[in-house]
Protein backbone atom coordinates (compact mmCIF):
# COMPACT_ATOMS: atom_id res chain seq x y z
CA MET A 1 71.78 127.39 -112.14
CA ALA A 2 74.82 129.46 -111.16
CA LYS A 3 78.17 127.86 -111.92
CA ILE A 4 81.33 128.52 -109.89
CA MET A 5 84.66 128.54 -111.76
CA THR A 6 87.87 128.54 -109.74
CA ARG A 7 90.64 130.96 -110.71
CA GLY A 8 92.83 128.10 -111.97
CA ARG A 9 90.08 126.74 -114.21
CA LEU A 10 89.27 130.25 -115.42
CA ASN A 11 92.89 130.97 -116.38
CA SER A 12 93.10 127.66 -118.20
CA ARG A 13 89.88 128.38 -120.09
CA LEU A 14 91.08 131.87 -121.03
CA ALA A 15 94.11 130.37 -122.79
CA THR A 16 91.96 128.00 -124.83
CA LEU A 17 91.81 128.57 -128.60
CA GLY A 18 88.04 128.73 -128.54
CA VAL A 19 87.00 131.76 -130.63
CA PRO A 20 86.64 131.46 -134.45
CA ALA A 21 89.13 133.77 -136.15
CA ARG A 22 86.42 134.81 -138.63
CA ASN A 23 84.50 136.51 -135.80
CA ILE A 24 87.61 138.40 -134.68
CA LYS A 25 88.18 139.62 -138.24
CA THR A 26 84.59 140.91 -138.39
CA LEU A 27 85.08 142.83 -135.13
CA LEU A 28 88.35 144.36 -136.38
CA ASP A 29 86.75 145.36 -139.70
CA GLN A 30 83.84 147.00 -137.91
CA ALA A 31 86.23 148.93 -135.66
CA GLN A 32 88.42 149.97 -138.60
CA ALA A 33 85.34 151.35 -140.37
CA LEU A 34 85.08 153.77 -137.42
CA GLY A 35 88.69 154.85 -137.90
CA ILE A 36 90.17 152.67 -135.14
CA ASP A 37 93.65 151.44 -136.01
CA PRO A 38 93.82 147.60 -136.04
CA VAL A 39 97.25 147.85 -134.39
CA GLU A 40 95.62 149.52 -131.39
CA MET A 41 92.93 146.85 -131.31
CA LEU A 42 95.53 144.06 -131.30
CA ALA A 43 97.71 145.66 -128.60
CA GLY A 44 98.43 143.26 -125.76
CA THR A 45 97.27 140.17 -127.71
CA GLU A 46 99.19 137.33 -129.30
CA ILE A 47 97.02 137.37 -132.43
CA ASP A 48 98.83 136.79 -135.72
CA GLU A 49 96.96 138.81 -138.35
CA ALA A 50 97.57 136.05 -140.92
CA ALA A 51 95.58 133.66 -138.71
CA LEU A 52 92.49 135.85 -139.04
CA THR A 53 91.95 134.72 -142.63
CA THR A 54 92.84 131.07 -142.06
CA PRO A 55 89.88 128.69 -142.51
CA GLY A 56 89.27 127.00 -139.19
CA GLY A 57 91.62 129.37 -137.35
CA ARG A 58 90.86 130.08 -133.71
CA ILE A 59 91.87 132.72 -131.17
CA SER A 60 92.14 132.45 -127.40
CA TYR A 61 89.37 133.72 -125.15
CA ALA A 62 91.95 135.92 -123.38
CA ASP A 63 92.86 137.67 -126.63
CA HIS A 64 89.19 138.12 -127.53
CA ILE A 65 88.54 139.77 -124.16
CA THR A 66 91.57 142.04 -124.65
CA LEU A 67 90.17 143.09 -128.03
CA HIS A 68 86.91 144.13 -126.37
CA ARG A 69 88.75 146.09 -123.69
CA ASN A 70 90.87 147.84 -126.34
CA LEU A 71 87.74 148.62 -128.32
CA LEU A 72 86.08 150.27 -125.33
CA GLN A 73 89.05 152.63 -124.95
CA HIS A 74 87.65 154.44 -127.99
CA SER A 75 84.52 156.52 -128.36
CA LEU A 76 82.03 154.11 -129.91
CA PRO A 77 78.49 154.65 -131.17
CA ALA A 78 76.13 153.55 -128.41
CA ASP A 79 74.60 150.99 -130.77
CA PHE A 80 77.94 149.56 -131.95
CA ALA A 81 76.94 145.94 -131.29
CA PHE A 82 73.72 146.37 -133.29
CA ALA A 83 75.30 148.19 -136.25
CA GLY A 84 77.49 145.42 -137.62
CA PRO A 85 77.50 143.99 -141.14
CA GLY A 86 74.35 141.94 -140.53
CA PHE A 87 73.83 138.40 -139.35
CA SER A 88 75.45 135.52 -141.20
CA ILE A 89 75.11 131.86 -140.27
CA ALA A 90 78.88 131.63 -140.86
CA SER A 91 79.42 133.63 -137.66
CA TYR A 92 78.25 130.53 -135.76
CA GLY A 93 80.65 128.34 -137.76
CA MET A 94 79.86 124.64 -138.00
CA LEU A 95 77.38 125.00 -135.15
CA GLY A 96 75.22 127.29 -137.30
CA TYR A 97 75.15 124.84 -140.18
CA ALA A 98 74.40 121.92 -137.85
CA MET A 99 71.48 123.85 -136.36
CA MET A 100 70.22 124.89 -139.79
CA SER A 101 70.15 121.25 -140.98
CA SER A 102 68.11 120.02 -137.99
CA PRO A 103 64.44 119.05 -138.51
CA THR A 104 62.86 121.34 -135.90
CA LEU A 105 63.77 124.40 -133.86
CA ASP A 106 63.77 122.35 -130.67
CA GLN A 107 66.29 119.89 -132.11
CA ALA A 108 68.41 122.74 -133.44
CA ILE A 109 68.58 124.20 -129.93
CA GLN A 110 69.54 120.80 -128.54
CA ILE A 111 72.49 120.86 -130.95
CA ALA A 112 73.36 124.32 -129.58
CA VAL A 113 73.28 122.96 -126.03
CA LYS A 114 75.96 120.42 -126.89
CA TYR A 115 78.22 122.53 -129.08
CA TYR A 116 77.63 126.25 -128.40
CA ARG A 117 81.22 126.58 -127.15
CA THR A 118 82.51 125.94 -130.68
CA ALA A 119 81.15 129.40 -131.58
CA GLY A 120 83.40 130.94 -128.90
CA PRO A 121 80.96 133.07 -126.84
CA LEU A 122 82.52 135.16 -124.08
CA CYS A 123 79.94 134.01 -121.56
CA GLY A 124 78.42 130.76 -120.40
CA LEU A 125 75.07 129.85 -121.94
CA PHE A 126 72.62 127.70 -120.00
CA PHE A 127 69.43 126.25 -121.49
CA ASP A 128 66.34 125.44 -119.45
CA TRP A 129 63.21 123.84 -120.92
CA HIS A 130 60.04 124.53 -118.90
CA SER A 131 56.27 124.49 -119.37
CA GLU A 132 56.19 127.91 -121.05
CA GLY A 133 59.09 127.28 -123.40
CA LEU A 134 62.85 127.67 -123.24
CA SER A 135 65.13 130.04 -121.31
CA ILE A 136 68.66 130.81 -122.53
CA THR A 137 70.61 132.40 -119.68
CA ALA A 138 74.00 134.09 -120.11
CA GLU A 139 76.40 133.99 -117.18
CA ASN A 140 79.54 136.03 -116.70
CA THR A 141 81.91 133.05 -116.57
CA PHE A 142 84.95 135.12 -117.58
CA ASP A 143 84.48 137.79 -114.86
CA LEU A 144 84.10 140.59 -117.41
CA GLU A 145 83.79 144.17 -116.23
CA ALA A 146 80.49 146.01 -116.80
CA GLY A 147 81.50 147.63 -120.12
CA PRO A 148 82.81 144.53 -121.91
CA LEU A 149 80.01 142.41 -120.44
CA ARG A 150 77.26 144.64 -121.86
CA LEU A 151 78.97 144.69 -125.26
CA VAL A 152 79.29 140.88 -125.24
CA ILE A 153 75.65 140.38 -124.25
CA GLU A 154 74.53 142.78 -126.99
CA GLU A 155 76.68 140.97 -129.55
CA ILE A 156 75.33 137.53 -128.61
CA PHE A 157 71.66 138.26 -127.88
CA SER A 158 71.24 140.49 -130.95
CA THR A 159 72.01 137.47 -133.17
CA PHE A 160 69.21 135.34 -131.67
CA PRO A 161 66.23 136.95 -133.50
CA ALA A 162 68.08 136.84 -136.84
CA LEU A 163 69.10 133.23 -136.24
CA LEU A 164 65.53 132.20 -135.43
CA ARG A 165 64.26 134.01 -138.53
CA LEU A 166 66.80 132.24 -140.72
CA LEU A 167 66.09 128.82 -139.24
CA VAL A 168 62.29 128.81 -139.56
CA GLY A 169 61.83 131.28 -142.42
CA ARG A 170 59.79 133.86 -140.50
CA GLU A 171 59.82 136.05 -137.42
CA VAL A 172 59.85 134.23 -134.08
CA PRO A 173 59.41 136.92 -131.42
CA ALA A 174 60.86 136.14 -128.00
CA ARG A 175 58.47 135.91 -125.06
CA HIS A 176 60.64 138.48 -123.30
CA VAL A 177 64.31 139.34 -122.83
CA ASP A 178 65.96 140.27 -119.53
CA PHE A 179 69.19 142.22 -119.06
CA SER A 180 71.26 142.51 -115.88
CA TYR A 181 72.35 146.09 -116.56
CA PRO A 182 70.45 149.41 -116.56
CA ARG A 183 68.27 150.61 -119.44
CA PRO A 184 70.71 151.86 -122.15
CA ALA A 185 70.53 155.17 -124.00
CA HIS A 186 70.13 153.36 -127.34
CA LEU A 187 66.88 151.66 -126.30
CA LEU A 188 65.49 152.05 -129.84
CA SER A 189 68.09 149.58 -131.14
CA TYR A 190 66.91 147.06 -128.54
CA ARG A 191 63.27 147.56 -129.49
CA GLU A 192 63.95 147.19 -133.21
CA THR A 193 66.07 144.08 -132.68
CA PHE A 194 64.03 142.15 -130.13
CA ASN A 195 60.47 143.41 -130.77
CA CYS A 196 59.20 141.95 -127.50
CA PRO A 197 58.85 142.92 -123.82
CA MET A 198 62.22 143.74 -122.23
CA ARG A 199 63.31 144.19 -118.63
CA PHE A 200 66.50 145.79 -117.35
CA ASP A 201 68.30 145.67 -113.99
CA GLN A 202 67.34 142.02 -113.69
CA PRO A 203 69.33 139.36 -111.76
CA VAL A 204 70.46 137.69 -115.00
CA CYS A 205 70.52 138.15 -118.79
CA ARG A 206 67.92 135.80 -120.25
CA PHE A 207 66.27 135.20 -123.65
CA GLU A 208 62.90 133.40 -123.53
CA ILE A 209 61.41 131.41 -126.44
CA ASP A 210 57.74 130.38 -126.36
CA ALA A 211 56.92 126.67 -126.25
CA SER A 212 54.79 126.94 -129.39
CA ALA A 213 57.86 127.94 -131.44
CA LEU A 214 59.94 124.91 -130.50
CA ALA A 215 58.02 122.51 -132.76
CA LEU A 216 58.43 124.70 -135.86
CA PRO A 217 60.09 122.90 -138.80
CA LEU A 218 63.27 124.35 -140.24
CA VAL A 219 63.32 125.52 -143.84
CA GLN A 220 66.69 123.93 -144.68
CA ALA A 221 66.39 120.69 -142.71
CA ASP A 222 68.58 117.96 -144.18
CA ALA A 223 69.27 114.75 -142.27
CA ASP A 224 72.49 113.88 -144.13
CA SER A 225 73.97 117.34 -143.68
CA ALA A 226 72.94 117.36 -140.01
CA VAL A 227 75.03 114.23 -139.39
CA LEU A 228 78.03 115.71 -141.23
CA PHE A 229 77.93 119.05 -139.44
CA GLU A 230 77.40 117.50 -136.03
CA ARG A 231 80.46 115.34 -136.58
CA SER A 232 82.45 118.50 -137.38
CA CYS A 233 81.10 120.12 -134.20
CA GLN A 234 82.16 117.07 -132.19
CA GLU A 235 85.67 117.30 -133.59
CA LEU A 236 85.92 121.03 -132.94
CA LEU A 237 84.71 120.68 -129.36
CA ALA A 238 87.13 117.84 -128.74
CA GLU A 239 89.93 119.97 -130.18
CA ILE A 240 89.04 122.90 -127.93
CA ASP A 241 89.05 120.63 -124.88
CA ARG A 242 92.20 118.67 -125.74
CA ASP A 243 95.58 119.30 -124.18
CA ASP A 244 98.68 120.18 -126.19
CA SER A 245 99.09 116.77 -127.81
CA LEU A 246 101.24 116.25 -130.90
CA THR A 247 98.05 115.46 -132.81
CA ASN A 248 96.68 118.88 -131.97
CA GLN A 249 100.00 120.58 -132.76
CA VAL A 250 100.06 118.94 -136.20
CA ARG A 251 96.42 119.89 -136.79
CA HIS A 252 97.09 123.57 -135.97
CA PHE A 253 100.28 123.53 -138.06
CA LEU A 254 98.30 122.35 -141.10
CA LEU A 255 95.38 124.73 -140.48
CA ALA A 256 97.81 127.65 -140.33
CA SER A 257 98.77 127.10 -143.99
CA PRO A 258 95.62 125.91 -145.78
CA GLY A 259 97.04 126.69 -149.22
CA ASN A 260 100.24 124.74 -148.56
CA LEU A 261 99.39 121.45 -146.86
CA VAL A 262 102.75 119.74 -146.55
CA ASN A 263 103.67 116.05 -146.45
CA ALA A 264 104.80 114.16 -143.37
CA ASP A 265 108.51 114.69 -144.09
CA ARG A 266 108.20 118.49 -144.08
CA ALA A 267 105.94 118.42 -141.03
CA ALA A 268 108.49 116.30 -139.19
CA ARG A 269 111.22 118.84 -139.98
CA HIS A 270 108.98 121.61 -138.62
CA PHE A 271 108.66 119.73 -135.33
CA ARG A 272 112.41 118.92 -135.34
CA MET A 273 112.06 115.18 -135.44
CA GLY A 274 112.45 112.39 -137.94
CA THR A 275 109.51 111.25 -140.05
CA ARG A 276 109.53 107.82 -138.41
CA THR A 277 109.45 109.47 -134.97
CA LEU A 278 106.53 111.67 -136.01
CA ARG A 279 104.59 108.66 -137.29
CA ARG A 280 105.40 106.61 -134.17
CA ARG A 281 104.32 109.36 -131.77
CA LEU A 282 101.08 109.94 -133.68
CA ALA A 283 100.43 106.20 -133.61
CA MET A 284 100.83 106.31 -129.82
CA GLU A 285 98.02 108.90 -129.85
CA GLN A 286 95.96 106.48 -131.96
CA THR A 287 96.08 108.47 -135.19
CA SER A 288 98.28 109.01 -138.26
CA TYR A 289 99.57 111.91 -140.29
CA GLN A 290 97.32 110.96 -143.20
CA ALA A 291 94.26 110.84 -140.93
CA ILE A 292 95.01 114.34 -139.59
CA LEU A 293 95.67 115.63 -143.12
CA ASP A 294 92.36 114.22 -144.35
CA GLU A 295 90.51 115.75 -141.38
CA VAL A 296 92.07 119.17 -142.07
CA ARG A 297 91.39 118.91 -145.81
CA ARG A 298 87.77 117.98 -145.15
CA ARG A 299 87.29 120.85 -142.71
CA ILE A 300 88.87 123.42 -145.06
CA ALA A 301 86.92 122.07 -148.04
CA ILE A 302 83.64 122.41 -146.15
CA ASP A 303 84.57 125.95 -145.12
CA TYR A 304 85.47 126.96 -148.69
CA LEU A 305 82.35 125.38 -150.21
CA SER A 306 80.11 126.97 -147.56
CA THR A 307 81.54 130.49 -147.48
CA THR A 308 83.40 131.23 -150.75
CA ALA A 309 82.79 131.21 -154.50
CA LEU A 310 86.02 129.31 -155.23
CA SER A 311 85.64 126.71 -157.98
CA THR A 312 86.11 123.00 -157.34
CA GLN A 313 89.38 123.17 -159.29
CA GLU A 314 90.66 126.07 -157.16
CA ILE A 315 89.75 124.30 -153.91
CA ALA A 316 91.40 121.09 -155.15
CA GLU A 317 94.63 122.99 -155.86
CA LEU A 318 94.58 124.76 -152.50
CA LEU A 319 94.19 121.41 -150.74
CA GLY A 320 97.10 119.87 -152.65
CA PHE A 321 95.17 117.54 -154.98
CA SER A 322 96.80 117.02 -158.37
CA GLU A 323 93.41 116.94 -160.13
CA ALA A 324 89.90 118.13 -159.31
CA THR A 325 88.59 114.59 -159.91
CA ASN A 326 90.78 113.32 -157.05
CA PHE A 327 89.36 116.00 -154.77
CA ARG A 328 85.79 115.08 -155.80
CA ARG A 329 86.43 111.41 -154.96
CA ALA A 330 87.96 112.33 -151.60
CA PHE A 331 85.11 114.69 -150.71
CA LEU A 332 82.58 112.02 -151.62
CA ARG A 333 84.43 109.59 -149.35
CA TRP A 334 84.49 112.12 -146.50
CA THR A 335 80.89 113.33 -146.73
CA GLN A 336 78.96 110.94 -149.01
CA ARG A 337 78.25 113.97 -151.23
CA THR A 338 79.90 115.58 -154.22
CA PRO A 339 81.24 119.14 -153.80
CA ALA A 340 78.60 120.42 -156.22
CA SER A 341 75.65 118.81 -154.40
CA TYR A 342 77.04 119.99 -151.07
CA ARG A 343 77.43 123.60 -152.24
CA ALA A 344 73.94 123.63 -153.78
CA ARG A 345 72.47 123.90 -150.27
CA PHE A 346 73.96 127.38 -149.71
């Protein structure tokens, strides 16, 4: 099961904008609540603080790792990773909503297999179905030191019980959980979180789910939403894996200013080219400015409807629609649902 990553591939992956900015903001807020200056947390990174509140914004893996290293320079409560603001499906981004809309737990996990990287974990996750159930193994693909690695494993694994509880509507205890590091001083936090047999100093970090749980139906299964969210996951994963194409540059330019989505003329000036040149180069990449704008609008609209209390009128204005009715028509075209019926699920 072990995967070998060459140094060149590792460096390339570290530079990838793979981590949702929302998760970085949560980590900074948690640190600030302990009196840690955000400026100290951001030292050595290229993170623009404005990007942390941008819907759909993403941060590089390298900067996320630097944040963890900066964090560990301070005296933290031993149970820091367990004492956050509480689990929210939004921390998984579109992946969480795609899983939540699946018919069964097994199918939700199959979605996770395909798209877990859209949630930006600082380790590799490998899924293995066997006669007794499912094993989720975390591997240290970013060569993290012992301190950051333990913190990352605690952050990721501690969300699994809450995620399972949310998906099926009741507790789903793990068969057992293994950790590759020694028994920690804050063992009580582990016991309260996992409520199952645990083993430390093991060869790998592994979370085991019993076979009987995999067939459980999900409480918010919705076939139409599942299709929509999986499409968003596909787009996000493709974006993470793409090179620095003009299409991707335009997409990030628009996502950086969600309340001021500009027309093609202003975008062309930003990229120091004529509008006709911009359109021609995008056509060579088999897309158009309008197609990218619609994709960005759809993604931001879904984010706002899923995670904020903004009215339809307010979202329409933020996305540059002259009237809310025009936004409703566009959203119906994008998703086959009205904004109101979409939001009613949350």
